[in-house]
Amino acid sequence: AFRLHAHGLWVHVHEQQLHAHADVLWLHAHAFRLHARAFRLHAHVLWVHAHEQRIHAHAFRLHAHVLGLHAHAFRLHAHVLWVHAHEQRLHAHHHAHVLWVNAHEQRLHAHHHAHVL
């Protein structure tokens, strides 16, 4: 009876150890699933970050292109202003020449009129 009781206790202790081992294995499996989920989330965060970086790079290139267009428009505007100033000078020069010619004609007419008189 004593040996049977001892064997029963040994079996009971062994069962307890097996249950404890199963619990540890279940905890390890659960921890592994949690780590896998965390890894997937981290991979997703890295993907989102890479996507944001690509978007920022694209926006930067577009901004640089817009600045280049603005610079081009500014150069064109400066050229138009230069042409306009040149036209104004030519008009002023032409007007002064016409006034000089008119004054010269007036003098010639006056000289001719004086000569006739």
N, C-alpha and C. Protein backbone atom coordinates (compact mmCIF):
# COMPACT_ATOMS: atom_id res chain seq x y z
N ALA A 1 0.83 -1.19 0.00
CA ALA A 1 0.00 0.00 0.00
C ALA A 1 0.87 1.25 0.00
N PHE A 2 1.97 1.15 0.77
CA PHE A 2 2.87 2.31 0.83
C PHE A 2 3.49 2.58 -0.53
N ARG A 3 3.94 1.47 -1.21
CA ARG A 3 4.53 1.64 -2.53
C ARG A 3 3.51 2.18 -3.52
N LEU A 4 2.29 1.69 -3.42
CA LEU A 4 1.24 2.15 -4.32
C LEU A 4 0.96 3.63 -4.08
N HIS A 5 0.91 4.01 -2.83
CA HIS A 5 0.68 5.40 -2.48
C HIS A 5 1.84 6.27 -2.98
N ALA A 6 3.07 5.80 -2.80
CA ALA A 6 4.25 6.53 -3.27
C ALA A 6 4.21 6.67 -4.78
N HIS A 7 3.82 5.57 -5.47
CA HIS A 7 3.73 5.63 -6.92
C HIS A 7 2.65 6.63 -7.35
N GLY A 8 1.52 6.63 -6.66
CA GLY A 8 0.45 7.60 -6.95
C GLY A 8 0.94 9.03 -6.76
N LEU A 9 1.72 9.25 -5.69
CA LEU A 9 2.26 10.60 -5.46
C LEU A 9 3.24 10.97 -6.57
N TRP A 10 4.06 9.97 -6.97
CA TRP A 10 5.05 10.23 -8.03
C TRP A 10 4.34 10.59 -9.33
N VAL A 11 3.27 9.82 -9.63
CA VAL A 11 2.48 10.10 -10.84
C VAL A 11 1.85 11.48 -10.74
N HIS A 12 1.33 11.82 -9.57
CA HIS A 12 0.69 13.12 -9.36
C HIS A 12 1.71 14.25 -9.54
N VAL A 13 2.89 14.09 -8.97
CA VAL A 13 3.95 15.12 -9.12
C VAL A 13 4.34 15.24 -10.58
N HIS A 14 4.47 14.11 -11.25
CA HIS A 14 4.81 14.11 -12.66
C HIS A 14 3.73 14.82 -13.49
N GLU A 15 2.46 14.56 -13.17
CA GLU A 15 1.36 15.25 -13.87
C GLU A 15 1.44 16.75 -13.65
N GLN A 16 1.73 17.14 -12.40
CA GLN A 16 1.87 18.57 -12.09
C GLN A 16 2.99 19.19 -12.92
N GLN A 17 4.10 18.46 -13.02
CA GLN A 17 5.23 18.96 -13.81
C GLN A 17 4.85 19.07 -15.29
N LEU A 18 4.12 18.05 -15.79
CA LEU A 18 3.70 18.10 -17.19
C LEU A 18 2.76 19.27 -17.45
N HIS A 19 1.80 19.49 -16.50
CA HIS A 19 0.89 20.63 -16.64
C HIS A 19 1.67 21.95 -16.62
N ALA A 20 2.63 22.05 -15.71
CA ALA A 20 3.43 23.27 -15.63
C ALA A 20 4.20 23.47 -16.92
N HIS A 21 4.75 22.36 -17.46
CA HIS A 21 5.50 22.44 -18.71
C HIS A 21 4.58 22.87 -19.86
N ALA A 22 3.35 22.31 -19.89
CA ALA A 22 2.38 22.69 -20.91
C ALA A 22 2.02 24.16 -20.79
N ASP A 23 1.85 24.63 -19.54
CA ASP A 23 1.54 26.05 -19.32
C ASP A 23 2.68 26.93 -19.83
N VAL A 24 3.91 26.51 -19.56
CA VAL A 24 5.07 27.28 -20.03
C VAL A 24 5.10 27.29 -21.56
N LEU A 25 4.84 26.14 -22.18
CA LEU A 25 4.81 26.08 -23.65
C LEU A 25 3.71 26.99 -24.21
N TRP A 26 2.53 26.98 -23.55
CA TRP A 26 1.43 27.84 -24.01
C TRP A 26 1.83 29.31 -23.88
N LEU A 27 2.47 29.67 -22.76
CA LEU A 27 2.92 31.06 -22.57
C LEU A 27 3.95 31.45 -23.63
N HIS A 28 4.87 30.51 -23.93
CA HIS A 28 5.87 30.79 -24.97
C HIS A 28 5.20 30.98 -26.33
N ALA A 29 4.21 30.13 -26.63
CA ALA A 29 3.51 30.27 -27.91
C ALA A 29 2.78 31.60 -27.99
N HIS A 30 2.14 31.99 -26.88
CA HIS A 30 1.43 33.27 -26.83
C HIS A 30 2.43 34.43 -27.01
N ALA A 31 3.56 34.33 -26.32
CA ALA A 31 4.58 35.39 -26.46
C ALA A 31 5.09 35.45 -27.90
N PHE A 32 5.25 34.28 -28.52
CA PHE A 32 5.70 34.24 -29.91
C PHE A 32 4.69 34.91 -30.82
N ARG A 33 3.38 34.63 -30.60
CA ARG A 33 2.34 35.28 -31.41
C ARG A 33 2.36 36.80 -31.22
N LEU A 34 2.54 37.23 -29.96
CA LEU A 34 2.61 38.67 -29.70
C LEU A 34 3.82 39.30 -30.39
N HIS A 35 4.97 38.61 -30.34
CA HIS A 35 6.16 39.12 -31.01
C HIS A 35 5.95 39.19 -32.52
N ALA A 36 5.27 38.17 -33.08
CA ALA A 36 5.00 38.18 -34.52
C ALA A 36 4.11 39.37 -34.88
N ARG A 37 3.09 39.62 -34.06
CA ARG A 37 2.21 40.76 -34.30
C ARG A 37 2.99 42.08 -34.21
N ALA A 38 3.83 42.19 -33.18
CA ALA A 38 4.64 43.41 -33.03
C ALA A 38 5.57 43.58 -34.23
N PHE A 39 6.13 42.49 -34.71
CA PHE A 39 7.02 42.56 -35.88
C PHE A 39 6.26 43.04 -37.11
N ARG A 40 5.03 42.49 -37.31
CA ARG A 40 4.23 42.94 -38.45
C ARG A 40 3.89 44.43 -38.34
N LEU A 41 3.54 44.86 -37.13
CA LEU A 41 3.23 46.29 -36.93
C LEU A 41 4.45 47.15 -37.22
N HIS A 42 5.62 46.71 -36.74
CA HIS A 42 6.84 47.47 -36.97
C HIS A 42 7.17 47.53 -38.46
N ALA A 43 6.97 46.40 -39.16
CA ALA A 43 7.20 46.39 -40.61
C ALA A 43 6.24 47.36 -41.30
N HIS A 44 5.00 47.41 -40.83
CA HIS A 44 4.02 48.33 -41.42
C HIS A 44 4.43 49.78 -41.17
N VAL A 45 4.89 50.06 -39.96
CA VAL A 45 5.35 51.43 -39.63
C VAL A 45 6.51 51.81 -40.53
N LEU A 46 7.44 50.88 -40.74
CA LEU A 46 8.59 51.17 -41.62
C LEU A 46 8.12 51.42 -43.05
N TRP A 47 7.14 50.64 -43.52
CA TRP A 47 6.61 50.82 -44.87
C TRP A 47 5.97 52.20 -44.99
N VAL A 48 5.15 52.57 -43.97
CA VAL A 48 4.49 53.89 -43.98
C VAL A 48 5.54 54.99 -43.99
N HIS A 49 6.59 54.82 -43.19
CA HIS A 49 7.65 55.83 -43.13
C HIS A 49 8.34 55.96 -44.49
N ALA A 50 8.62 54.83 -45.13
CA ALA A 50 9.24 54.88 -46.46
C ALA A 50 8.32 55.57 -47.46
N HIS A 51 7.03 55.29 -47.38
CA HIS A 51 6.05 55.93 -48.26
C HIS A 51 6.03 57.44 -48.02
N GLU A 52 6.06 57.85 -46.75
CA GLU A 52 6.11 59.29 -46.44
C GLU A 52 7.36 59.92 -47.02
N GLN A 53 8.50 59.21 -46.91
CA GLN A 53 9.75 59.75 -47.46
C GLN A 53 9.64 59.94 -48.97
N ARG A 54 9.02 58.96 -49.66
CA ARG A 54 8.86 59.09 -51.12
C ARG A 54 7.96 60.28 -51.44
N ILE A 55 6.88 60.44 -50.66
CA ILE A 55 5.96 61.57 -50.88
C ILE A 55 6.69 62.89 -50.67
N HIS A 56 7.50 62.96 -49.59
CA HIS A 56 8.25 64.19 -49.32
C HIS A 56 9.25 64.48 -50.44
N ALA A 57 9.91 63.44 -50.94
CA ALA A 57 10.87 63.64 -52.03
C ALA A 57 10.15 64.15 -53.27
N HIS A 58 8.97 63.58 -53.56
CA HIS A 58 8.20 64.01 -54.72
C HIS A 58 7.77 65.47 -54.55
N ALA A 59 7.29 65.82 -53.35
CA ALA A 59 6.87 67.20 -53.09
C ALA A 59 8.05 68.15 -53.23
N PHE A 60 9.23 67.72 -52.77
CA PHE A 60 10.41 68.57 -52.87
C PHE A 60 10.78 68.81 -54.33
N ARG A 61 10.72 67.73 -55.15
CA ARG A 61 11.01 67.89 -56.58
C ARG A 61 10.00 68.82 -57.24
N LEU A 62 8.71 68.67 -56.89
CA LEU A 62 7.69 69.55 -57.47
C LEU A 62 7.94 71.00 -57.06
N HIS A 63 8.30 71.21 -55.78
CA HIS A 63 8.56 72.56 -55.29
C HIS A 63 9.75 73.17 -56.03
N ALA A 64 10.80 72.37 -56.22
CA ALA A 64 11.97 72.86 -56.96
C ALA A 64 11.57 73.22 -58.39
N HIS A 65 10.71 72.40 -59.01
CA HIS A 65 10.25 72.68 -60.37
C HIS A 65 9.47 73.99 -60.41
N VAL A 66 8.58 74.20 -59.43
CA VAL A 66 7.79 75.43 -59.36
C VAL A 66 8.72 76.63 -59.18
N LEU A 67 9.74 76.49 -58.32
CA LEU A 67 10.69 77.59 -58.14
C LEU A 67 11.44 77.89 -59.44
N GLY A 68 11.78 76.83 -60.18
CA GLY A 68 12.43 77.03 -61.48
C GLY A 68 11.52 77.77 -62.45
N LEU A 69 10.22 77.40 -62.44
CA LEU A 69 9.25 78.10 -63.30
C LEU A 69 9.13 79.57 -62.91
N HIS A 70 9.11 79.82 -61.58
CA HIS A 70 9.04 81.21 -61.12
C HIS A 70 10.27 82.00 -61.57
N ALA A 71 11.45 81.37 -61.47
CA ALA A 71 12.67 82.04 -61.91
C ALA A 71 12.61 82.35 -63.40
N HIS A 72 12.10 81.40 -64.18
CA HIS A 72 11.96 81.60 -65.63
C HIS A 72 11.00 82.76 -65.91
N ALA A 73 9.86 82.77 -65.20
CA ALA A 73 8.89 83.85 -65.39
C ALA A 73 9.49 85.19 -65.00
N PHE A 74 10.29 85.19 -63.93
CA PHE A 74 10.93 86.44 -63.49
C PHE A 74 11.89 86.95 -64.56
N ARG A 75 12.69 86.02 -65.16
CA ARG A 75 13.62 86.43 -66.23
C ARG A 75 12.86 86.98 -67.43
N LEU A 76 11.75 86.32 -67.80
CA LEU A 76 10.94 86.80 -68.93
C LEU A 76 10.38 88.19 -68.63
N HIS A 77 9.90 88.39 -67.40
CA HIS A 77 9.34 89.68 -67.02
C HIS A 77 10.42 90.76 -67.09
N ALA A 78 11.63 90.44 -66.59
CA ALA A 78 12.73 91.41 -66.66
C ALA A 78 13.06 91.75 -68.11
N HIS A 79 13.02 90.74 -68.98
CA HIS A 79 13.29 90.98 -70.40
C HIS A 79 12.23 91.90 -71.01
N VAL A 80 10.96 91.63 -70.67
CA VAL A 80 9.86 92.47 -71.17
C VAL A 80 10.04 93.92 -70.70
N LEU A 81 10.42 94.08 -69.42
CA LEU A 81 10.64 95.44 -68.91
C LEU A 81 11.80 96.12 -69.64
N TRP A 82 12.87 95.35 -69.92
CA TRP A 82 14.02 95.91 -70.65
C TRP A 82 13.59 96.35 -72.05
N VAL A 83 12.81 95.48 -72.73
CA VAL A 83 12.33 95.81 -74.08
C VAL A 83 11.44 97.06 -74.03
N HIS A 84 10.58 97.11 -73.02
CA HIS A 84 9.69 98.26 -72.88
C HIS A 84 10.50 99.55 -72.67
N ALA A 85 11.51 99.49 -71.82
CA ALA A 85 12.35 100.67 -71.58
C ALA A 85 13.08 101.08 -72.86
N HIS A 86 13.55 100.08 -73.62
CA HIS A 86 14.23 100.35 -74.89
C HIS A 86 13.27 101.04 -75.86
N GLU A 87 12.03 100.53 -75.93
CA GLU A 87 11.03 101.16 -76.80
C GLU A 87 10.78 102.61 -76.38
N GLN A 88 10.68 102.84 -75.06
CA GLN A 88 10.44 104.20 -74.57
C GLN A 88 11.58 105.13 -74.98
N ARG A 89 12.82 104.61 -74.86
CA ARG A 89 13.97 105.43 -75.26
C ARG A 89 13.94 105.73 -76.74
N LEU A 90 13.61 104.69 -77.54
CA LEU A 90 13.54 104.91 -78.99
C LEU A 90 12.46 105.93 -79.33
N HIS A 91 11.29 105.82 -78.67
CA HIS A 91 10.22 106.78 -78.92
C HIS A 91 10.65 108.19 -78.53
N ALA A 92 11.31 108.29 -77.38
CA ALA A 92 11.76 109.62 -76.93
C ALA A 92 12.78 110.19 -77.91
N HIS A 93 13.71 109.32 -78.36
CA HIS A 93 14.72 109.77 -79.32
C HIS A 93 14.07 110.22 -80.63
N HIS A 94 13.09 109.40 -81.08
CA HIS A 94 12.37 109.74 -82.32
C HIS A 94 11.63 111.07 -82.16
N HIS A 95 10.96 111.24 -81.00
CA HIS A 95 10.21 112.46 -80.76
C HIS A 95 11.15 113.67 -80.73
N ALA A 96 12.29 113.52 -80.07
CA ALA A 96 13.27 114.62 -80.02
C ALA A 96 13.78 114.93 -81.42
N HIS A 97 14.01 113.89 -82.22
CA HIS A 97 14.48 114.10 -83.60
C HIS A 97 13.44 114.85 -84.42
N VAL A 98 12.16 114.44 -84.27
CA VAL A 98 11.07 115.12 -84.98
C VAL A 98 11.00 116.57 -84.56
N LEU A 99 11.12 116.84 -83.25
CA LEU A 99 11.09 118.23 -82.78
C LEU A 99 12.27 119.02 -83.32
N TRP A 100 13.46 118.39 -83.39
CA TRP A 100 14.64 119.08 -83.93
C TRP A 100 14.44 119.40 -85.41
N VAL A 101 13.90 118.38 -86.16
CA VAL A 101 13.65 118.61 -87.59
C VAL A 101 12.63 119.73 -87.77
N ASN A 102 11.55 119.73 -86.97
CA ASN A 102 10.54 120.80 -87.07
C ASN A 102 11.16 122.15 -86.77
N ALA A 103 11.97 122.23 -85.73
CA ALA A 103 12.62 123.49 -85.38
C ALA A 103 13.53 123.94 -86.52
N HIS A 104 14.27 122.99 -87.10
CA HIS A 104 15.15 123.30 -88.22
C HIS A 104 14.35 123.83 -89.42
N GLU A 105 13.22 123.16 -89.72
CA GLU A 105 12.35 123.62 -90.81
C GLU A 105 11.82 125.02 -90.52
N GLN A 106 11.43 125.25 -89.25
CA GLN A 106 10.92 126.58 -88.88
C GLN A 106 12.00 127.64 -89.10
N ARG A 107 13.22 127.31 -88.70
CA ARG A 107 14.32 128.27 -88.90
C ARG A 107 14.55 128.52 -90.37
N LEU A 108 14.52 127.41 -91.16
CA LEU A 108 14.73 127.58 -92.60
C LEU A 108 13.62 128.42 -93.21
N HIS A 109 12.36 128.14 -92.78
CA HIS A 109 11.24 128.94 -93.28
C HIS A 109 11.40 130.41 -92.88
N ALA A 110 11.78 130.64 -91.65
CA ALA A 110 11.97 132.02 -91.20
C ALA A 110 13.11 132.69 -91.97
N HIS A 111 14.20 131.93 -92.18
CA HIS A 111 15.32 132.48 -92.92
C HIS A 111 14.90 132.78 -94.37
N HIS A 112 14.14 131.85 -94.95
CA HIS A 112 13.65 132.04 -96.32
C HIS A 112 12.72 133.23 -96.36
N HIS A 113 11.82 133.32 -95.38
CA HIS A 113 10.88 134.45 -95.33
C HIS A 113 11.62 135.77 -95.18
N ALA A 114 12.61 135.76 -94.36
CA ALA A 114 13.42 136.99 -94.17
C ALA A 114 14.16 137.33 -95.45
N HIS A 115 14.64 136.31 -96.12
CA HIS A 115 15.36 136.54 -97.36
C HIS A 115 14.41 137.12 -98.43
N VAL A 116 13.18 136.59 -98.46
CA VAL A 116 12.20 137.08 -99.43
C VAL A 116 11.87 138.53 -99.14
N LEU A 117 11.70 138.82 -97.83
CA LEU A 117 11.37 140.21 -97.48
C LEU A 117 12.54 141.12 -97.77
